[in-house]
């Protein structure tokens, strides 16, 4: 895949993720995703992580 196609694919994926977040308000943090992937890589198959809702964020 050439550089422009990779950039276009990255942009499309980012826009799709943003639209999904706007529609559902659900997300996982990068740290939570990394933790789950590390467990899966180590062969520790656990239950899926709980998605957080935008409304559950702490207000500053």
N, C-alpha and C. Protein backbone atom coordinates (compact mmCIF):
# COMPACT_ATOMS: atom_id res chain seq x y z
N UNK A 1 0.85 -1.17 0.00
CA UNK A 1 0.00 0.00 0.00
C UNK A 1 0.90 1.24 0.00
N UNK A 2 0.61 2.20 -0.87
CA UNK A 2 1.46 3.38 -0.89
C UNK A 2 1.09 4.35 0.23
N UNK A 3 1.92 5.34 0.40
CA UNK A 3 1.77 6.27 1.52
C UNK A 3 0.43 7.01 1.51
N UNK A 4 -0.01 7.47 0.35
CA UNK A 4 -1.28 8.19 0.27
C UNK A 4 -2.46 7.29 0.61
N UNK A 5 -2.41 6.06 0.16
CA UNK A 5 -3.50 5.12 0.49
C UNK A 5 -3.53 4.82 1.98
N UNK A 6 -2.35 4.67 2.58
CA UNK A 6 -2.28 4.42 4.02
C UNK A 6 -2.85 5.61 4.79
N UNK A 7 -2.49 6.80 4.37
CA UNK A 7 -2.99 8.01 5.01
C UNK A 7 -4.51 8.11 4.87
N UNK A 8 -5.01 7.81 3.68
CA UNK A 8 -6.46 7.85 3.43
C UNK A 8 -7.18 6.80 4.29
N UNK A 9 -6.62 5.61 4.39
CA UNK A 9 -7.22 4.55 5.21
C UNK A 9 -7.24 4.96 6.68
N UNK A 10 -6.13 5.54 7.16
CA UNK A 10 -6.06 6.01 8.54
C UNK A 10 -7.14 7.05 8.81
N UNK A 11 -7.30 7.99 7.88
CA UNK A 11 -8.30 9.04 8.03
C UNK A 11 -9.71 8.46 8.04
N UNK A 12 -9.99 7.53 7.14
CA UNK A 12 -11.30 6.89 7.09
C UNK A 12 -11.59 6.14 8.39
N UNK A 13 -10.60 5.42 8.90
CA UNK A 13 -10.78 4.70 10.16
C UNK A 13 -11.03 5.65 11.32
N UNK A 14 -10.30 6.76 11.35
CA UNK A 14 -10.48 7.75 12.41
C UNK A 14 -11.87 8.37 12.35
N UNK A 15 -12.33 8.70 11.16
CA UNK A 15 -13.67 9.29 11.01
C UNK A 15 -14.75 8.29 11.41
N UNK A 16 -14.56 7.02 11.05
CA UNK A 16 -15.53 5.99 11.43
C UNK A 16 -15.57 5.83 12.95
N UNK A 17 -14.40 5.87 13.58
CA UNK A 17 -14.36 5.76 15.05
C UNK A 17 -15.04 6.95 15.70
N UNK A 18 -14.82 8.14 15.16
CA UNK A 18 -15.44 9.34 15.70
C UNK A 18 -16.97 9.27 15.56
N UNK A 19 -17.44 8.82 14.41
CA UNK A 19 -18.88 8.70 14.20
C UNK A 19 -19.48 7.67 15.16
N UNK A 20 -18.78 6.58 15.39
CA UNK A 20 -19.26 5.56 16.34
C UNK A 20 -19.34 6.14 17.75
N UNK A 21 -18.31 6.88 18.14
CA UNK A 21 -18.32 7.51 19.46
C UNK A 21 -19.47 8.49 19.58
N UNK A 22 -19.69 9.30 18.55
CA UNK A 22 -20.78 10.28 18.60
C UNK A 22 -22.14 9.59 18.69
N UNK A 23 -22.28 8.46 18.03
CA UNK A 23 -23.55 7.73 18.02
C UNK A 23 -23.81 7.02 19.34
N UNK A 24 -22.76 6.47 19.96
CA UNK A 24 -22.96 5.64 21.15
C UNK A 24 -22.48 6.29 22.44
N UNK A 25 -21.48 7.15 22.34
CA UNK A 25 -20.88 7.74 23.54
C UNK A 25 -19.97 6.78 24.29
N UNK A 26 -19.72 5.60 23.71
CA UNK A 26 -18.89 4.60 24.38
C UNK A 26 -17.45 4.66 23.89
N UNK A 27 -16.51 4.38 24.79
CA UNK A 27 -15.10 4.40 24.43
C UNK A 27 -14.30 3.57 25.42
N UNK A 28 -13.08 3.25 25.06
CA UNK A 28 -12.09 2.68 25.98
C UNK A 28 -10.86 3.55 25.87
N UNK A 29 -10.11 3.65 26.95
CA UNK A 29 -8.88 4.45 26.91
C UNK A 29 -7.78 3.62 26.25
N UNK A 30 -6.75 4.29 25.80
CA UNK A 30 -5.61 3.59 25.19
C UNK A 30 -4.97 2.65 26.20
N UNK A 31 -4.87 3.08 27.45
CA UNK A 31 -4.28 2.23 28.49
C UNK A 31 -5.10 0.96 28.70
N UNK A 32 -6.42 1.09 28.70
CA UNK A 32 -7.28 -0.09 28.86
C UNK A 32 -7.14 -1.04 27.68
N UNK A 33 -7.09 -0.49 26.48
CA UNK A 33 -6.92 -1.32 25.29
C UNK A 33 -5.57 -2.04 25.32
N UNK A 34 -4.52 -1.32 25.69
CA UNK A 34 -3.19 -1.93 25.79
C UNK A 34 -3.17 -3.07 26.81
N UNK A 35 -3.84 -2.85 27.94
CA UNK A 35 -3.90 -3.87 28.99
C UNK A 35 -4.61 -5.13 28.48
N UNK A 36 -5.72 -4.95 27.79
CA UNK A 36 -6.46 -6.10 27.26
C UNK A 36 -5.63 -6.83 26.22
N UNK A 37 -4.99 -6.09 25.32
CA UNK A 37 -4.18 -6.74 24.28
C UNK A 37 -3.00 -7.49 24.87
N UNK A 38 -2.38 -6.95 25.92
CA UNK A 38 -1.28 -7.65 26.58
C UNK A 38 -1.76 -8.95 27.20
N UNK A 39 -2.94 -8.93 27.81
CA UNK A 39 -3.49 -10.16 28.40
C UNK A 39 -3.80 -11.19 27.32
N UNK A 40 -4.37 -10.73 26.21
CA UNK A 40 -4.68 -11.66 25.12
C UNK A 40 -3.40 -12.26 24.55
N UNK A 41 -2.37 -11.44 24.40
CA UNK A 41 -1.10 -11.92 23.87
C UNK A 41 -0.47 -12.95 24.81
N UNK A 42 -0.68 -12.78 26.12
CA UNK A 42 -0.13 -13.71 27.11
C UNK A 42 -1.00 -14.96 27.26
N UNK A 43 -2.10 -15.03 26.50
CA UNK A 43 -2.96 -16.19 26.57
C UNK A 43 -3.99 -16.15 27.68
N UNK A 44 -4.14 -14.99 28.30
CA UNK A 44 -5.13 -14.82 29.37
C UNK A 44 -6.41 -14.27 28.76
N UNK A 45 -7.27 -15.16 28.35
CA UNK A 45 -8.52 -14.74 27.72
C UNK A 45 -9.52 -14.38 28.81
N UNK A 46 -9.84 -13.11 28.88
CA UNK A 46 -10.76 -12.65 29.92
C UNK A 46 -12.05 -12.16 29.27
N UNK A 47 -12.95 -11.77 30.11
CA UNK A 47 -14.20 -11.22 29.59
C UNK A 47 -13.93 -9.88 28.94
N UNK A 48 -14.74 -9.48 27.99
CA UNK A 48 -14.52 -8.19 27.34
C UNK A 48 -14.55 -7.04 28.34
N UNK A 49 -13.76 -6.02 28.06
CA UNK A 49 -13.72 -4.88 28.95
C UNK A 49 -15.03 -4.10 28.90
N UNK A 50 -15.32 -3.43 29.96
CA UNK A 50 -16.51 -2.61 30.02
C UNK A 50 -16.23 -1.30 29.29
N UNK A 51 -17.11 -0.97 28.38
CA UNK A 51 -16.97 0.30 27.67
C UNK A 51 -17.45 1.41 28.58
N UNK A 52 -16.77 2.53 28.52
CA UNK A 52 -17.14 3.69 29.32
C UNK A 52 -18.06 4.59 28.52
N UNK A 53 -18.95 5.23 29.20
CA UNK A 53 -19.84 6.19 28.56
C UNK A 53 -19.28 7.58 28.74
N UNK A 54 -19.44 8.41 27.74
CA UNK A 54 -18.97 9.79 27.82
C UNK A 54 -19.55 10.48 29.05
N UNK A 55 -20.79 10.19 29.38
CA UNK A 55 -21.44 10.83 30.52
C UNK A 55 -20.86 10.38 31.85
N UNK A 56 -20.07 9.28 31.85
CA UNK A 56 -19.49 8.81 33.11
C UNK A 56 -18.15 9.48 33.42
N UNK A 57 -17.67 10.33 32.50
CA UNK A 57 -16.42 11.03 32.75
C UNK A 57 -16.58 11.97 33.92
N UNK A 58 -15.51 12.09 34.71
CA UNK A 58 -15.53 13.00 35.85
C UNK A 58 -15.45 14.43 35.35
N UNK A 59 -16.25 15.27 35.91
CA UNK A 59 -16.22 16.70 35.56
C UNK A 59 -15.13 17.37 36.37
N UNK A 60 -14.35 18.24 35.72
CA UNK A 60 -13.25 18.93 36.42
C UNK A 60 -13.75 20.17 37.12
